[in-house]
Every structure is written in C-alpha cells, then in structure tokens.
Amino acid sequence: MKRLILLAASAVALACRVLPAAAQETAKAPLRVSVLGDSYSTYEGFMACDTNLVWYYPKGSTGPHHDSRNGNDVASVSQTWWHRLCTEHGLRLEANNSFSGSTICYTGYRDRQTGRPQDYTNRSFVSRLWRLGSPDVILICGATNDSWAGAPIGEYKWQDWTEEDLRSFRPAMACLLQRTLWRYPGVAVYFVLNSELKESINESVATVCQHYHVPLIRLHDIDKQRGHPSVEGMKAMADQVWEAISR
C-alpha cells in the first residue's frame, strides 16, 4: 500500500503546486491501472486492441473462440479479476492489453500440422508492453503459456538482447521488465505469477523480478475450470492481487 499511497500523494502535491484551484480536482482521480496479460485477463470488448484474441466472452456470445470456454462459469466482465479489483477498490482501468495464448517470449505453441513451434513475436508480452496508456500501476500477469507451450528456458541475460535471445524465456522475461520500467518511469510495476507452472518458470520469474526489484505476486489456491479461473478463482485472484499491492 505504501507504494500506491506515495504515488497518489506525490501526484496531489505536484498538482497543488502547479495547478489552479479549479483544476486540482483532477489530482484526486483514482489510481489508473493497466494490465498486460494472457487469456486469464481477457474479456470480449474490453481489450486495448480489438484484434487481440480473447478467451472469456459474455454468455451467449458467438465469438470465434467462444466454444473453448464451455464449462467455465465466468459470464460477465464484472466477474473478472481485474474488473473486480478496480470496482471494489476504487481504481480505474487505464488499459487492458491481454492476448489469449500469448507468451512472454517469441516462441509459441507447436503447430498441429508441422509440430514446429510457432512464431509468437507479434503477440508476445515483449511486443505488447508499449501499449498500456498512462497508468499509475501496471500488473503483468503472464508466463502461463510459456510454461504450457514448453518454451525454451534459455540463459539469463540482462542487456543487449537479440531477436534470437528473445525466443527463450529467461532473456525475454528480463527484457520485458527492463523495457517496462524504462517506458513507464515512476509507475508501480508488479508481476502476477500463476500457480501450477513448471518450477523452471517459477524460479526464472522470481530471479528476474528480484534483479529488477519488481514485486512478485504468487497466486495460490485459484479455482479453475478448463484450465482457467472460474468465478470463484477470479475472486481469489482479485483478493490476492489487492492484498499484495495494498501493503
């Protein structure tokens, strides 16, 4: 909570010095939150880019991937973890740039016909980090598909990344956090890590977050249906994220 309070207090103090009294009301606006995520954070009609693939749809939707979520009881955007987080705690969603099936690195799932890993460069977290608006807080919720797709782990590398480097998880994870911190100076950045992932992914995320001093939120006990958070799981996610960022 200290990080959030400091951000809000600094904004108010600055506004009081440079803005006329009539304009100071803008300094009291709620904190703006941006989400960079995968399918867990998608919902039809709420993505920053309309071309992003989504996994969660309104009940009765006929979207191109709506059949994949049959058996999952999330049927309203108000049930998603990020919407609950904002509405229950007075935050404002600045941007949600989430993409179903996306990986942090450039390597995606294997093509069903060729058996070769697909090129996920355009949908990768590294490529999408630039489109998050002007937030006060950034929540990066990823690494699930890197784990599920069996993306190469690679070696830790902290600078001068090549395109080939970014096809592996560890260098891509480092690049993601370094560029996010550089692109959004003064913004509170958190990484939200799913439960039940490969230990090599968990260890890599923890190491990179520690290197860049980015707080790591480890999810636990998230109820899932078809591998994705249910209504109950979404509530648990929202509660766990809020508990972490409000300290």
Protein backbone atom coordinates (compact mmCIF):
# COMPACT_ATOMS: atom_id res chain seq x y z
CA MET A 1 0.00 0.00 0.00
CA LYS A 2 2.95 2.32 0.71
CA ARG A 3 3.91 2.37 -2.98
CA LEU A 4 0.36 3.27 -4.01
CA ILE A 5 0.00 5.93 -1.30
CA LEU A 6 3.31 7.52 -2.27
CA LEU A 7 2.28 7.64 -5.93
CA ALA A 8 -1.06 9.25 -5.09
CA ALA A 9 0.45 11.67 -2.57
CA SER A 10 3.14 12.79 -5.00
CA ALA A 11 0.54 13.45 -7.70
CA VAL A 12 -1.60 15.51 -5.32
CA ALA A 13 1.35 17.51 -4.01
CA LEU A 14 2.58 18.30 -7.50
CA ALA A 15 -0.87 19.37 -8.63
CA CYS A 16 -1.29 21.69 -5.67
CA ARG A 17 1.92 23.49 -6.61
CA VAL A 18 1.31 23.92 -10.32
CA LEU A 19 -2.43 23.80 -10.92
CA PRO A 20 -5.06 26.45 -10.24
CA ALA A 21 -7.61 25.53 -7.57
CA ALA A 22 -10.32 24.75 -10.13
CA ALA A 23 -8.08 22.16 -11.78
CA GLN A 24 -6.86 20.46 -8.64
CA GLU A 25 -9.84 18.11 -8.63
CA THR A 26 -8.07 16.08 -11.31
CA ALA A 27 -5.36 15.26 -8.76
CA LYS A 28 -7.96 13.39 -6.73
CA ALA A 29 -8.75 10.97 -9.56
CA PRO A 30 -8.45 7.25 -8.74
CA LEU A 31 -5.23 5.43 -9.47
CA ARG A 32 -5.06 4.20 -13.05
CA VAL A 33 -4.28 0.51 -13.51
CA SER A 34 -3.09 -1.18 -16.71
CA VAL A 35 -2.99 -4.94 -17.26
CA LEU A 36 -0.61 -6.80 -19.55
CA GLY A 37 -1.77 -10.38 -19.67
CA ASP A 38 -2.84 -13.58 -21.38
CA SER A 39 -6.18 -15.40 -21.55
CA TYR A 40 -6.75 -15.11 -17.78
CA SER A 41 -7.12 -11.34 -18.20
CA THR A 42 -9.13 -11.18 -21.44
CA TYR A 43 -12.79 -10.34 -22.00
CA GLU A 44 -14.54 -9.57 -25.24
CA GLY A 45 -14.96 -5.85 -25.91
CA PHE A 46 -12.57 -4.70 -23.18
CA MET A 47 -9.14 -5.17 -24.77
CA ALA A 48 -6.89 -2.28 -25.73
CA CYS A 49 -6.61 -3.81 -29.21
CA ASP A 50 -9.69 -5.28 -30.88
CA THR A 51 -7.53 -7.79 -32.75
CA ASN A 52 -6.32 -9.46 -29.53
CA LEU A 53 -7.65 -12.99 -29.14
CA VAL A 54 -9.86 -13.40 -26.07
CA TRP A 55 -10.89 -16.43 -24.02
CA TYR A 56 -13.69 -15.00 -21.88
CA TYR A 57 -16.94 -13.96 -23.57
CA PRO A 58 -20.37 -12.78 -22.42
CA LYS A 59 -22.93 -15.54 -22.06
CA GLY A 60 -24.47 -16.34 -25.44
CA SER A 61 -21.60 -14.88 -27.45
CA THR A 62 -20.87 -16.33 -30.88
CA GLY A 63 -17.26 -15.14 -30.98
CA PRO A 64 -14.66 -17.23 -32.87
CA HIS A 65 -13.31 -18.93 -29.73
CA HIS A 66 -16.38 -18.96 -27.51
CA ASP A 67 -16.65 -22.76 -27.57
CA SER A 68 -13.29 -23.09 -25.80
CA ARG A 69 -14.70 -21.69 -22.58
CA ASN A 70 -17.67 -24.07 -22.34
CA GLY A 71 -17.72 -25.36 -18.78
CA ASN A 72 -16.31 -22.15 -17.29
CA ASP A 73 -18.86 -20.16 -15.30
CA VAL A 74 -17.43 -16.65 -15.87
CA ALA A 75 -20.18 -14.97 -17.90
CA SER A 76 -19.80 -11.26 -17.13
CA VAL A 77 -16.92 -8.83 -17.23
CA SER A 78 -17.80 -7.86 -13.67
CA GLN A 79 -16.66 -11.34 -12.63
CA THR A 80 -13.11 -10.99 -14.00
CA TRP A 81 -10.29 -10.47 -11.52
CA TRP A 82 -9.19 -7.11 -12.91
CA HIS A 83 -12.70 -5.66 -13.11
CA ARG A 84 -13.40 -6.76 -9.54
CA LEU A 85 -10.09 -5.26 -8.40
CA CYS A 86 -10.96 -1.88 -9.89
CA THR A 87 -14.62 -1.67 -8.87
CA GLU A 88 -14.13 -2.99 -5.34
CA HIS A 89 -11.19 -0.74 -4.51
CA GLY A 90 -11.89 2.47 -6.37
CA LEU A 91 -9.27 2.02 -9.09
CA ARG A 92 -9.66 2.98 -12.75
CA LEU A 93 -8.76 0.68 -15.62
CA GLU A 94 -6.40 2.58 -17.89
CA ALA A 95 -5.77 -0.20 -20.43
CA ASN A 96 -6.02 -3.96 -20.66
CA ASN A 97 -3.67 -5.30 -23.31
CA SER A 98 -4.16 -9.02 -22.82
CA PHE A 99 -3.98 -11.67 -25.54
CA SER A 100 -5.20 -15.24 -25.16
CA GLY A 101 -2.47 -17.83 -25.65
CA SER A 102 0.32 -15.27 -25.60
CA THR A 103 3.82 -15.97 -24.34
CA ILE A 104 6.34 -13.61 -22.82
CA CYS A 105 9.00 -14.79 -25.27
CA TYR A 106 8.72 -15.04 -29.05
CA THR A 107 8.21 -18.82 -29.05
CA GLY A 108 4.63 -20.12 -29.01
CA TYR A 109 2.78 -23.41 -29.13
CA ARG A 110 3.69 -26.07 -31.65
CA ASP A 111 1.80 -26.10 -34.93
CA ARG A 112 -0.54 -29.09 -35.01
CA GLN A 113 0.39 -29.96 -38.57
CA THR A 114 4.13 -29.37 -38.66
CA GLY A 115 4.91 -29.94 -35.00
CA ARG A 116 7.18 -26.90 -35.02
CA PRO A 117 6.94 -24.05 -32.50
CA GLN A 118 5.01 -21.10 -33.89
CA ASP A 119 6.39 -17.58 -34.05
CA TYR A 120 4.52 -15.53 -31.41
CA THR A 121 6.60 -12.37 -31.81
CA ASN A 122 3.67 -10.06 -32.52
CA ARG A 123 1.52 -11.32 -29.66
CA SER A 124 4.36 -11.66 -27.14
CA PHE A 125 4.42 -9.64 -23.94
CA VAL A 126 7.69 -8.07 -25.08
CA SER A 127 5.97 -6.69 -28.19
CA ARG A 128 2.79 -5.52 -26.43
CA LEU A 129 4.29 -3.71 -23.43
CA TRP A 130 4.35 -0.39 -25.30
CA ARG A 131 0.55 -0.06 -25.45
CA LEU A 132 -0.55 0.37 -21.84
CA GLY A 133 -1.61 4.02 -21.81
CA SER A 134 -0.54 6.28 -18.93
CA PRO A 135 -1.04 4.19 -15.79
CA ASP A 136 -0.04 4.62 -12.17
CA VAL A 137 0.14 0.84 -11.67
CA ILE A 138 1.00 -1.95 -14.13
CA LEU A 139 0.03 -5.56 -13.42
CA ILE A 140 1.84 -8.06 -15.65
CA CYS A 141 0.07 -11.42 -15.49
CA GLY A 142 1.99 -13.89 -17.61
CA ALA A 143 4.33 -16.88 -18.05
CA THR A 144 1.47 -19.41 -18.08
CA ASN A 145 1.68 -20.09 -21.81
CA ASP A 146 5.48 -20.14 -21.78
CA SER A 147 5.15 -22.98 -19.27
CA TRP A 148 2.35 -24.80 -21.05
CA ALA A 149 3.90 -24.44 -24.52
CA GLY A 150 7.30 -25.67 -23.37
CA ALA A 151 9.11 -22.52 -24.50
CA PRO A 152 12.92 -22.78 -24.28
CA ILE A 153 14.18 -21.50 -20.92
CA GLY A 154 17.50 -20.12 -22.17
CA GLU A 155 20.12 -18.34 -20.07
CA TYR A 156 19.82 -15.18 -18.01
CA LYS A 157 20.86 -12.13 -19.99
CA TRP A 158 20.41 -8.60 -18.71
CA GLN A 159 21.08 -6.39 -21.72
CA ASP A 160 21.72 -6.22 -25.47
CA TRP A 161 19.04 -8.77 -26.36
CA THR A 162 18.92 -10.06 -29.91
CA GLU A 163 15.82 -11.37 -31.64
CA GLU A 164 17.17 -14.88 -31.18
CA ASP A 165 17.65 -14.24 -27.43
CA LEU A 166 14.00 -13.25 -27.13
CA ARG A 167 12.87 -16.65 -28.38
CA SER A 168 13.81 -18.03 -24.96
CA PHE A 169 12.05 -17.32 -21.69
CA ARG A 170 14.74 -16.00 -19.35
CA PRO A 171 16.18 -13.31 -21.63
CA ALA A 172 12.65 -12.34 -22.77
CA MET A 173 11.49 -12.03 -19.17
CA ALA A 174 14.43 -9.76 -18.38
CA CYS A 175 13.81 -7.69 -21.49
CA LEU A 176 10.12 -7.35 -20.60
CA LEU A 177 10.75 -5.96 -17.14
CA GLN A 178 13.66 -3.73 -18.15
CA ARG A 179 11.74 -2.14 -21.01
CA THR A 180 8.56 -1.77 -18.96
CA LEU A 181 10.42 0.07 -16.21
CA TRP A 182 12.14 2.26 -18.80
CA ARG A 183 8.96 3.01 -20.76
CA TYR A 184 6.88 3.83 -17.65
CA PRO A 185 9.17 5.66 -15.19
CA GLY A 186 7.71 6.20 -11.74
CA VAL A 187 4.96 3.63 -12.30
CA ALA A 188 4.46 0.81 -9.77
CA VAL A 189 5.04 -2.45 -11.68
CA TYR A 190 4.02 -5.86 -10.31
CA PHE A 191 4.33 -9.35 -11.78
CA VAL A 192 1.45 -11.78 -11.13
CA LEU A 193 2.54 -15.43 -11.39
CA ASN A 194 0.04 -18.22 -11.93
CA SER A 195 0.06 -21.35 -9.78
CA GLU A 196 0.85 -24.87 -11.00
CA LEU A 197 3.53 -23.87 -13.52
CA LYS A 198 6.85 -25.57 -14.23
CA GLU A 199 9.41 -24.99 -11.49
CA SER A 200 11.92 -23.72 -14.08
CA ILE A 201 9.44 -20.97 -14.98
CA ASN A 202 8.71 -20.13 -11.33
CA GLU A 203 12.42 -19.91 -10.49
CA SER A 204 13.18 -17.83 -13.56
CA VAL A 205 10.39 -15.33 -12.86
CA ALA A 206 11.50 -14.96 -9.23
CA THR A 207 15.12 -14.39 -10.24
CA VAL A 208 14.31 -11.76 -12.88
CA CYS A 209 11.83 -9.95 -10.63
CA GLN A 210 14.42 -9.82 -7.86
CA HIS A 211 17.04 -8.47 -10.27
CA TYR A 212 14.80 -5.56 -11.32
CA HIS A 213 13.20 -5.07 -7.87
CA VAL A 214 9.74 -5.81 -9.25
CA PRO A 215 7.36 -7.23 -6.58
CA LEU A 216 6.25 -10.76 -7.38
CA ILE A 217 2.68 -11.82 -6.57
CA ARG A 218 2.48 -15.62 -6.42
CA LEU A 219 -1.08 -16.81 -6.89
CA HIS A 220 -2.28 -19.81 -4.89
CA ASP A 221 -5.45 -21.84 -4.45
CA ILE A 222 -7.09 -20.49 -7.60
CA ASP A 223 -10.17 -22.48 -8.58
CA LYS A 224 -10.09 -23.27 -12.31
CA GLN A 225 -12.43 -24.69 -14.92
CA ARG A 226 -10.94 -25.79 -18.27
CA GLY A 227 -7.59 -24.55 -17.00
CA HIS A 228 -8.86 -21.01 -16.45
CA PRO A 229 -10.09 -19.18 -13.34
CA SER A 230 -13.75 -19.73 -12.51
CA VAL A 231 -15.88 -17.06 -10.84
CA GLU A 232 -14.50 -18.27 -7.52
CA GLY A 233 -10.97 -18.28 -8.93
CA MET A 234 -11.34 -14.76 -10.30
CA LYS A 235 -12.40 -13.50 -6.88
CA ALA A 236 -9.39 -15.18 -5.29
CA MET A 237 -7.11 -13.58 -7.88
CA ALA A 238 -8.54 -10.13 -7.23
CA ASP A 239 -8.22 -10.56 -3.47
CA GLN A 240 -4.64 -11.83 -3.66
CA VAL A 241 -3.53 -9.06 -6.02
CA TRP A 242 -5.15 -6.40 -3.85
CA GLU A 243 -3.57 -7.83 -0.72
CA ALA A 244 -0.16 -7.56 -2.36
CA ILE A 245 -0.43 -4.07 -3.86
CA SER A 246 -2.14 -2.54 -0.83
CA ARG A 247 0.62 -3.43 1.65
